[in-house]
C-alpha atoms as a PDB file:
ATOM      1  CA  MET A   1       0.000   0.000   0.000  1.00  0.00           C
ATOM      2  CA  ASP A   2       2.864   2.406   0.730  1.00  0.00           C
ATOM      3  CA  GLU A   3       4.210   1.819  -2.776  1.00  0.00           C
ATOM      4  CA  ILE A   4       0.788   2.519  -4.302  1.00  0.00           C
ATOM      5  CA  ARG A   5       0.384   5.728  -2.282  1.00  0.00           C
ATOM      6  CA  LYS A   6       3.851   6.855  -3.359  1.00  0.00           C
ATOM      7  CA  PHE A   7       3.044   6.165  -7.004  1.00  0.00           C
ATOM      8  CA  ARG A   8      -0.217   8.115  -6.807  1.00  0.00           C
ATOM      9  CA  SER A   9       1.537  11.021  -5.103  1.00  0.00           C
ATOM     10  CA  GLU A  10       4.123  11.100  -7.886  1.00  0.00           C
ATOM     11  CA  CYS A  11       1.324  11.009 -10.470  1.00  0.00           C
ATOM     12  CA  ASN A  12      -0.433  13.942  -8.791  1.00  0.00           C
ATOM     13  CA  ASN A  13       2.808  15.940  -8.835  1.00  0.00           C
ATOM     14  CA  ARG A  14       3.266  15.258 -12.539  1.00  0.00           C
ATOM     15  CA  ILE A  15      -0.329  16.187 -13.289  1.00  0.00           C
ATOM     16  CA  SER A  16       0.112  19.436 -11.390  1.00  0.00           C
ATOM     17  CA  SER A  17       3.135  20.246 -13.533  1.00  0.00           C
ATOM     18  CA  TYR A  18       1.138  19.476 -16.714  1.00  0.00           C
ATOM     19  CA  GLU A  19      -1.547  21.953 -15.681  1.00  0.00           C
ATOM     20  CA  LYS A  20       1.084  24.706 -15.461  1.00  0.00           C
ATOM     21  CA  ASN A  21       2.729  23.782 -18.768  1.00  0.00           C
ATOM     22  CA  SER A  22       0.833  25.810 -21.335  1.00  0.00           C
ATOM     23  CA  ARG A  23       3.069  24.687 -24.205  1.00  0.00           C
ATOM     24  CA  LEU A  24       2.316  21.029 -23.488  1.00  0.00           C
ATOM     25  CA  LYS A  25      -1.418  21.697 -23.214  1.00  0.00           C
ATOM     26  CA  ASP A  26      -1.403  23.706 -26.437  1.00  0.00           C
ATOM     27  CA  ALA A  27       0.509  20.942 -28.225  1.00  0.00           C
ATOM     28  CA  ALA A  28      -2.032  18.370 -27.050  1.00  0.00           C
ATOM     29  CA  ALA A  29      -4.938  20.559 -28.198  1.00  0.00           C
ATOM     30  CA  ASN A  30      -3.315  21.106 -31.587  1.00  0.00           C
ATOM     31  CA  PHE A  31      -2.722  17.383 -31.942  1.00  0.00           C
ATOM     32  CA  MET A  32      -6.396  16.647 -31.322  1.00  0.00           C
ATOM     33  CA  VAL A  33      -7.403  19.115 -34.042  1.00  0.00           C
ATOM     34  CA  GLU A  34      -4.830  17.936 -36.583  1.00  0.00           C
ATOM     35  CA  SER A  35      -5.446  14.224 -35.938  1.00  0.00           C
ATOM     36  CA  THR A  36      -9.233  14.307 -36.282  1.00  0.00           C
ATOM     37  CA  LEU A  37      -9.731  14.824 -40.028  1.00  0.00           C
ATOM     38  CA  PRO A  38      -7.198  12.131 -41.076  1.00  0.00           C
ATOM     39  CA  LYS A  39      -8.967   9.757 -38.632  1.00  0.00           C
ATOM     40  CA  TYR A  40      -5.901   8.986 -36.551  1.00  0.00           C
ATOM     41  CA  SER A  41      -7.944   6.817 -34.156  1.00  0.00           C
ATOM     42  CA  TYR A  42      -8.627   4.367 -36.994  1.00  0.00           C
ATOM     43  CA  ASN A  43      -4.983   3.250 -36.906  1.00  0.00           C
ATOM     44  CA  PHE A  44      -5.341   0.842 -33.985  1.00  0.00           C
ATOM     45  CA  THR A  45      -6.712  -2.632 -33.302  1.00  0.00           C
ATOM     46  CA  TRP A  46      -7.282  -4.654 -30.146  1.00  0.00           C
ATOM     47  CA  LEU A  47      -6.729  -8.403 -30.441  1.00  0.00           C
ATOM     48  CA  GLY A  48      -7.299  -8.179 -34.168  1.00  0.00           C
ATOM     49  CA  ARG A  49     -10.338  -5.872 -34.332  1.00  0.00           C
ATOM     50  CA  PRO A  50     -10.373  -2.129 -35.160  1.00  0.00           C
ATOM     51  CA  ILE A  51     -10.935  -0.278 -31.884  1.00  0.00           C
ATOM     52  CA  ILE A  52     -11.252   3.333 -33.179  1.00  0.00           C
ATOM     53  CA  GLN A  53      -9.926   4.908 -29.984  1.00  0.00           C
ATOM     54  CA  TYR A  54      -6.884   6.943 -29.018  1.00  0.00           C
ATOM     55  CA  PRO A  55      -4.312   4.894 -27.070  1.00  0.00           C
ATOM     56  CA  GLN A  56      -4.566   7.288 -24.105  1.00  0.00           C
ATOM     57  CA  ASP A  57      -8.275   6.559 -23.685  1.00  0.00           C
ATOM     58  CA  ILE A  58      -7.663   2.822 -23.992  1.00  0.00           C
ATOM     59  CA  ILE A  59      -5.163   3.056 -21.133  1.00  0.00           C
ATOM     60  CA  ALA A  60      -7.536   5.206 -19.073  1.00  0.00           C
ATOM     61  CA  ILE A  61     -10.365   2.683 -19.400  1.00  0.00           C
ATOM     62  CA  GLN A  62      -7.939  -0.110 -18.484  1.00  0.00           C
ATOM     63  CA  GLU A  63      -7.071   1.770 -15.290  1.00  0.00           C
ATOM     64  CA  ILE A  64     -10.746   2.172 -14.434  1.00  0.00           C
ATOM     65  CA  ILE A  65     -11.564  -1.490 -15.084  1.00  0.00           C
ATOM     66  CA  TRP A  66      -8.645  -2.693 -12.978  1.00  0.00           C
ATOM     67  CA  GLU A  67      -9.601  -0.321 -10.154  1.00  0.00           C
ATOM     68  CA  ILE A  68     -13.324  -1.024  -9.916  1.00  0.00           C
ATOM     69  CA  LYS A  69     -13.375  -4.598 -11.289  1.00  0.00           C
ATOM     70  CA  PRO A  70     -16.873  -4.398 -12.781  1.00  0.00           C
ATOM     71  CA  ASP A  71     -19.219  -7.354 -13.117  1.00  0.00           C
ATOM     72  CA  LEU A  72     -20.756  -5.718 -16.168  1.00  0.00           C
ATOM     73  CA  ILE A  73     -19.630  -3.188 -18.764  1.00  0.00           C
ATOM     74  CA  ILE A  74     -22.362  -1.706 -20.939  1.00  0.00           C
ATOM     75  CA  GLU A  75     -21.275  -0.051 -24.190  1.00  0.00           C
ATOM     76  CA  THR A  76     -23.486   1.720 -26.694  1.00  0.00           C
ATOM     77  CA  GLY A  77     -21.962   1.604 -30.170  1.00  0.00           C
ATOM     78  CA  ILE A  78     -20.277  -1.601 -31.351  1.00  0.00           C
ATOM     79  CA  ALA A  79     -18.922  -0.701 -34.822  1.00  0.00           C
ATOM     80  CA  HIS A  80     -16.167  -3.246 -35.667  1.00  0.00           C
ATOM     81  CA  GLY A  81     -16.147  -4.686 -32.159  1.00  0.00           C
ATOM     82  CA  GLY A  82     -12.701  -3.605 -31.000  1.00  0.00           C
ATOM     83  CA  SER A  83     -13.926  -1.890 -27.871  1.00  0.00           C
ATOM     84  CA  ILE A  84     -16.177  -4.677 -26.631  1.00  0.00           C
ATOM     85  CA  ILE A  85     -13.390  -7.182 -27.267  1.00  0.00           C
ATOM     86  CA  PHE A  86     -11.012  -4.916 -25.332  1.00  0.00           C
ATOM     87  CA  TYR A  87     -13.461  -4.744 -22.428  1.00  0.00           C
ATOM     88  CA  ALA A  88     -13.994  -8.509 -22.571  1.00  0.00           C
ATOM     89  CA  SER A  89     -10.253  -9.162 -22.509  1.00  0.00           C
ATOM     90  CA  MET A  90      -9.963  -7.005 -19.391  1.00  0.00           C
ATOM     91  CA  MET A  91     -12.810  -8.986 -17.823  1.00  0.00           C
ATOM     92  CA  GLU A  92     -10.919 -12.142 -18.648  1.00  0.00           C
ATOM     93  CA  LEU A  93      -7.839 -10.748 -16.871  1.00  0.00           C
ATOM     94  CA  ILE A  94      -9.761  -9.853 -13.714  1.00  0.00           C
ATOM     95  CA  GLY A  95     -11.455 -13.246 -13.859  1.00  0.00           C
ATOM     96  CA  LYS A  96     -15.109 -12.239 -13.967  1.00  0.00           C
ATOM     97  CA  GLY A  97     -17.757 -10.206 -15.702  1.00  0.00           C
ATOM     98  CA  MET A  98     -19.591  -9.697 -18.969  1.00  0.00           C
ATOM     99  CA  VAL A  99     -19.741  -6.997 -21.629  1.00  0.00           C
ATOM    100  CA  LEU A 100     -23.070  -5.951 -23.112  1.00  0.00           C
ATOM    101  CA  GLY A 101     -22.759  -4.170 -26.464  1.00  0.00           C
ATOM    102  CA  ILE A 102     -25.645  -2.270 -28.060  1.00  0.00           C
ATOM    103  CA  ASP A 103     -25.827  -1.044 -31.638  1.00  0.00           C
ATOM    104  CA  ILE A 104     -28.666   0.019 -33.893  1.00  0.00           C
ATOM    105  CA  ASP A 105     -27.088  -1.898 -36.808  1.00  0.00           C
ATOM    106  CA  ILE A 106     -24.667  -4.757 -36.132  1.00  0.00           C
ATOM    107  CA  ARG A 107     -23.259  -5.466 -39.576  1.00  0.00           C
ATOM    108  CA  GLU A 108     -23.316  -9.168 -40.399  1.00  0.00           C
ATOM    109  CA  HIS A 109     -19.582  -9.413 -41.123  1.00  0.00           C
ATOM    110  CA  ASN A 110     -18.791  -7.648 -37.837  1.00  0.00           C
ATOM    111  CA  ARG A 111     -21.152  -9.898 -35.897  1.00  0.00           C
ATOM    112  CA  LYS A 112     -19.512 -12.960 -37.428  1.00  0.00           C
ATOM    113  CA  VAL A 113     -15.942 -12.054 -36.466  1.00  0.00           C
ATOM    114  CA  ILE A 114     -17.012 -10.953 -32.970  1.00  0.00           C
ATOM    115  CA  GLU A 115     -18.867 -14.207 -32.388  1.00  0.00           C
ATOM    116  CA  GLU A 116     -15.829 -16.175 -33.598  1.00  0.00           C
ATOM    117  CA  HIS A 117     -13.417 -14.282 -31.341  1.00  0.00           C
ATOM    118  CA  PRO A 118     -11.938 -16.052 -28.267  1.00  0.00           C
ATOM    119  CA  MET A 119     -13.275 -13.234 -26.050  1.00  0.00           C
ATOM    120  CA  PHE A 120     -16.871 -13.671 -27.222  1.00  0.00           C
ATOM    121  CA  LYS A 121     -17.469 -15.909 -24.206  1.00  0.00           C
ATOM    122  CA  ARG A 122     -17.703 -12.688 -22.171  1.00  0.00           C
ATOM    123  CA  ILE A 123     -19.834 -10.731 -24.663  1.00  0.00           C
ATOM    124  CA  GLU A 124     -23.547 -10.311 -25.263  1.00  0.00           C
ATOM    125  CA  MET A 125     -24.969  -8.045 -27.970  1.00  0.00           C
ATOM    126  CA  ILE A 126     -28.290  -6.314 -28.510  1.00  0.00           C
ATOM    127  CA  GLU A 127     -29.261  -4.904 -31.898  1.00  0.00           C
ATOM    128  CA  GLY A 128     -31.520  -1.875 -31.653  1.00  0.00           C
ATOM    129  CA  SER A 129     -31.556   1.790 -30.723  1.00  0.00           C
ATOM    130  CA  SER A 130     -29.883   2.420 -27.377  1.00  0.00           C
ATOM    131  CA  ILE A 131     -32.589   4.946 -26.514  1.00  0.00           C
ATOM    132  CA  SER A 132     -35.579   2.742 -27.319  1.00  0.00           C
ATOM    133  CA  ASP A 133     -37.709   1.617 -24.390  1.00  0.00           C
ATOM    134  CA  ASP A 134     -37.420  -2.022 -25.430  1.00  0.00           C
ATOM    135  CA  VAL A 135     -33.612  -2.015 -25.544  1.00  0.00           C
ATOM    136  CA  ALA A 136     -33.344  -0.046 -22.313  1.00  0.00           C
ATOM    137  CA  GLU A 137     -35.561  -2.605 -20.569  1.00  0.00           C
ATOM    138  CA  GLN A 138     -33.407  -5.475 -21.874  1.00  0.00           C
ATOM    139  CA  VAL A 139     -30.313  -3.723 -20.531  1.00  0.00           C
ATOM    140  CA  ARG A 140     -31.896  -3.098 -17.122  1.00  0.00           C
ATOM    141  CA  THR A 141     -32.857  -6.761 -16.897  1.00  0.00           C
ATOM    142  CA  PHE A 142     -29.322  -7.830 -17.850  1.00  0.00           C
ATOM    143  CA  ALA A 143     -27.866  -5.523 -15.187  1.00  0.00           C
ATOM    144  CA  GLU A 144     -30.020  -6.857 -12.348  1.00  0.00           C
ATOM    145  CA  ASN A 145     -28.042  -8.072  -9.315  1.00  0.00           C
ATOM    146  CA  LYS A 146     -24.713  -6.855 -10.725  1.00  0.00           C
ATOM    147  CA  GLU A 147     -22.538  -5.388  -7.962  1.00  0.00           C
ATOM    148  CA  ASN A 148     -20.284  -3.164 -10.072  1.00  0.00           C
ATOM    149  CA  VAL A 149     -21.448  -1.684 -13.369  1.00  0.00           C
ATOM    150  CA  LEU A 150     -19.482   0.534 -15.774  1.00  0.00           C
ATOM    151  CA  VAL A 151     -21.226   2.309 -18.667  1.00  0.00           C
ATOM    152  CA  CYS A 152     -19.516   3.660 -21.813  1.00  0.00           C
ATOM    153  CA  LEU A 153     -21.496   5.743 -24.326  1.00  0.00           C
ATOM    154  CA  ASP A 154     -20.095   5.795 -27.855  1.00  0.00           C
ATOM    155  CA  SER A 155     -22.912   5.653 -30.393  1.00  0.00           C
ATOM    156  CA  ASN A 156     -24.835   8.568 -31.943  1.00  0.00           C
ATOM    157  CA  HIS A 157     -23.082  11.736 -30.714  1.00  0.00           C
ATOM    158  CA  THR A 158     -25.912  14.269 -30.967  1.00  0.00           C
ATOM    159  CA  HIS A 159     -26.899  16.184 -27.823  1.00  0.00           C
ATOM    160  CA  GLU A 160     -30.418  14.745 -27.706  1.00  0.00           C
ATOM    161  CA  HIS A 161     -29.306  11.144 -28.195  1.00  0.00           C
ATOM    162  CA  VAL A 162     -26.473  11.216 -25.657  1.00  0.00           C
ATOM    163  CA  LEU A 163     -28.575  13.003 -23.050  1.00  0.00           C
ATOM    164  CA  ARG A 164     -31.262  10.353 -23.384  1.00  0.00           C
ATOM    165  CA  GLU A 165     -28.647   7.581 -23.073  1.00  0.00           C
ATOM    166  CA  MET A 166     -27.358   9.228 -19.902  1.00  0.00           C
ATOM    167  CA  GLU A 167     -30.859   9.435 -18.464  1.00  0.00           C
ATOM    168  CA  LEU A 168     -31.535   5.773 -19.249  1.00  0.00           C
ATOM    169  CA  TYR A 169     -28.233   4.180 -18.243  1.00  0.00           C
ATOM    170  CA  SER A 170     -26.741   6.392 -15.512  1.00  0.00           C
ATOM    171  CA  PRO A 171     -28.981   4.763 -12.849  1.00  0.00           C
ATOM    172  CA  LEU A 172     -27.272   1.432 -13.647  1.00  0.00           C
ATOM    173  CA  VAL A 173     -23.802   2.785 -12.803  1.00  0.00           C
ATOM    174  CA  THR A 174     -22.811   1.723  -9.298  1.00  0.00           C
ATOM    175  CA  LYS A 175     -21.278   4.047  -6.711  1.00  0.00           C
ATOM    176  CA  GLY A 176     -17.551   4.487  -7.295  1.00  0.00           C
ATOM    177  CA  SER A 177     -17.816   3.375 -10.915  1.00  0.00           C
ATOM    178  CA  TYR A 178     -17.942   5.510 -14.058  1.00  0.00           C
ATOM    179  CA  LEU A 179     -20.228   6.734 -16.775  1.00  0.00           C
ATOM    180  CA  VAL A 180     -17.805   7.417 -19.644  1.00  0.00           C
ATOM    181  CA  VAL A 181     -19.120   9.670 -22.396  1.00  0.00           C
ATOM    182  CA  PHE A 182     -16.894   9.508 -25.463  1.00  0.00           C
ATOM    183  CA  ASP A 183     -16.341  12.214 -28.089  1.00  0.00           C
ATOM    184  CA  THR A 184     -16.991  15.222 -25.880  1.00  0.00           C
ATOM    185  CA  ILE A 185     -13.977  16.576 -27.801  1.00  0.00           C
ATOM    186  CA  ILE A 186     -16.385  17.587 -30.585  1.00  0.00           C
ATOM    187  CA  GLU A 187     -17.307  20.707 -28.618  1.00  0.00           C
ATOM    188  CA  ASP A 188     -13.645  21.757 -28.404  1.00  0.00           C
ATOM    189  CA  LEU A 189     -12.883  21.310 -32.106  1.00  0.00           C
ATOM    190  CA  PRO A 190     -13.461  23.924 -34.837  1.00  0.00           C
ATOM    191  CA  ASN A 191     -16.847  24.023 -36.546  1.00  0.00           C
ATOM    192  CA  GLY A 192     -17.297  21.878 -39.627  1.00  0.00           C
ATOM    193  CA  MET A 193     -14.984  19.020 -38.621  1.00  0.00           C
ATOM    194  CA  PHE A 194     -17.782  16.467 -39.146  1.00  0.00           C
ATOM    195  CA  PRO A 195     -19.537  17.475 -42.388  1.00  0.00           C
ATOM    196  CA  ASP A 196     -21.043  14.020 -42.887  1.00  0.00           C
ATOM    197  CA  ARG A 197     -22.405  13.704 -39.353  1.00  0.00           C
ATOM    198  CA  PRO A 198     -25.404  15.268 -37.558  1.00  0.00           C
ATOM    199  CA  TRP A 199     -23.255  16.511 -34.646  1.00  0.00           C
ATOM    200  CA  ASP A 200     -20.972  19.548 -34.329  1.00  0.00           C
ATOM    201  CA  LYS A 201     -20.090  22.329 -31.908  1.00  0.00           C
ATOM    202  CA  GLY A 202     -23.165  23.086 -29.769  1.00  0.00           C
ATOM    203  CA  ASN A 203     -24.769  19.705 -30.490  1.00  0.00           C
ATOM    204  CA  ASN A 204     -22.622  16.904 -29.106  1.00  0.00           C
ATOM    205  CA  PRO A 205     -21.796  14.731 -26.075  1.00  0.00           C
ATOM    206  CA  LYS A 206     -20.158  17.564 -24.102  1.00  0.00           C
ATOM    207  CA  THR A 207     -23.262  19.737 -24.312  1.00  0.00           C
ATOM    208  CA  ALA A 208     -25.279  16.702 -23.203  1.00  0.00           C
ATOM    209  CA  VAL A 209     -22.956  16.139 -20.229  1.00  0.00           C
ATOM    210  CA  ALA A 210     -23.331  19.780 -19.181  1.00  0.00           C
ATOM    211  CA  GLU A 211     -27.119  19.497 -19.340  1.00  0.00           C
ATOM    212  CA  PHE A 212     -27.102  16.192 -17.441  1.00  0.00           C
ATOM    213  CA  LEU A 213     -24.923  17.497 -14.619  1.00  0.00           C
ATOM    214  CA  LYS A 214     -27.211  20.477 -14.001  1.00  0.00           C
ATOM    215  CA  THR A 215     -29.744  18.221 -12.332  1.00  0.00           C
ATOM    216  CA  ASN A 216     -27.845  14.996 -11.564  1.00  0.00           C
ATOM    217  CA  LYS A 217     -25.640  15.383  -8.517  1.00  0.00           C
ATOM    218  CA  ASN A 218     -24.778  11.691  -8.278  1.00  0.00           C
ATOM    219  CA  PHE A 219     -21.918  12.194 -10.758  1.00  0.00           C
ATOM    220  CA  VAL A 220     -18.877  14.448 -10.964  1.00  0.00           C
ATOM    221  CA  VAL A 221     -16.315  14.965 -13.710  1.00  0.00           C
ATOM    222  CA  ASP A 222     -13.042  13.208 -12.912  1.00  0.00           C
ATOM    223  CA  THR A 223     -10.854  16.221 -13.663  1.00  0.00           C
ATOM    224  CA  GLN A 224      -7.696  14.347 -12.717  1.00  0.00           C
ATOM    225  CA  MET A 225      -8.328  12.000 -15.640  1.00  0.00           C
ATOM    226  CA  ASP A 226      -8.583  14.963 -18.019  1.00  0.00           C
ATOM    227  CA  ASN A 227      -5.466  16.611 -16.655  1.00  0.00           C
ATOM    228  CA  LYS A 228      -3.244  13.574 -16.928  1.00  0.00           C
ATOM    229  CA  LEU A 229      -4.456  12.353 -20.326  1.00  0.00           C
ATOM    230  CA  LEU A 230      -4.182  15.659 -22.216  1.00  0.00           C
ATOM    231  CA  ILE A 231      -4.842  13.729 -25.441  1.00  0.00           C
ATOM    232  CA  THR A 232      -8.357  12.289 -25.166  1.00  0.00           C
ATOM    233  CA  VAL A 233     -11.610  12.218 -27.108  1.00  0.00           C
ATOM    234  CA  ALA A 234     -13.498  12.465 -23.816  1.00  0.00           C
ATOM    235  CA  PRO A 235     -12.467  15.681 -22.013  1.00  0.00           C
ATOM    236  CA  GLY A 236     -14.994  16.199 -19.244  1.00  0.00           C
ATOM    237  CA  GLY A 237     -16.522  12.854 -20.174  1.00  0.00           C
ATOM    238  CA  TYR A 238     -15.122  10.637 -17.416  1.00  0.00           C
ATOM    239  CA  LEU A 239     -17.917  10.878 -14.865  1.00  0.00           C
ATOM    240  CA  ARG A 240     -17.519   9.111 -11.527  1.00  0.00           C
ATOM    241  CA  ARG A 241     -20.588   8.213  -9.512  1.00  0.00           C
ATOM    242  CA  ILE A 242     -20.143   9.540  -5.975  1.00  0.00           C
ATOM    243  CA  LYS A 243     -23.518   8.683  -4.426  1.00  0.00           C
END
């Protein structure tokens, strides 16, 4: 325990120095802008499947999973399956738990390779809108009697959709665990970065988080996570449940 406390103290000191280093913070912000249009996050895979995440966020989620050791991870947005396979592999390492992935359209070729993956034994999938009453009820039923639940939102990134996901799934997050809202970075990027998407500045996950936190005092932003990551698609999106 002394070694762990020492490590955390050293981390806090480093984070404090980051906060004072404007050049480092500016470089990180510039990197996020310059790396978005060329789709930098599409460069990476996890155990053979495209994960479409920045390495820093992958490490951050790993830290959270190892700390809270969830019985269930709920993720909205499956895409190629890299994230749910990543979560499942972490569950395998901690020796327990399941991952529940939700997507409005699970492409047949993606479903096939996910179901054939060695980590599928810890995965369940639901096809349907994450904000539909039917899907939400299936998720609530699946989450019954789970002691530690982590929720990650990474599907449709419009304000209305994300806010509704937060309203539906935040009650399932257990005290001490997290509600992680991905792609809050959209609010911090210049206008017009997503011409083929219905979200942009003023209509995105970060605006939804701000609206959610106005009335929901069970969650707080884990600012330490933001400060140490610097490069993240989820600034202000790591929400810890405190009560």
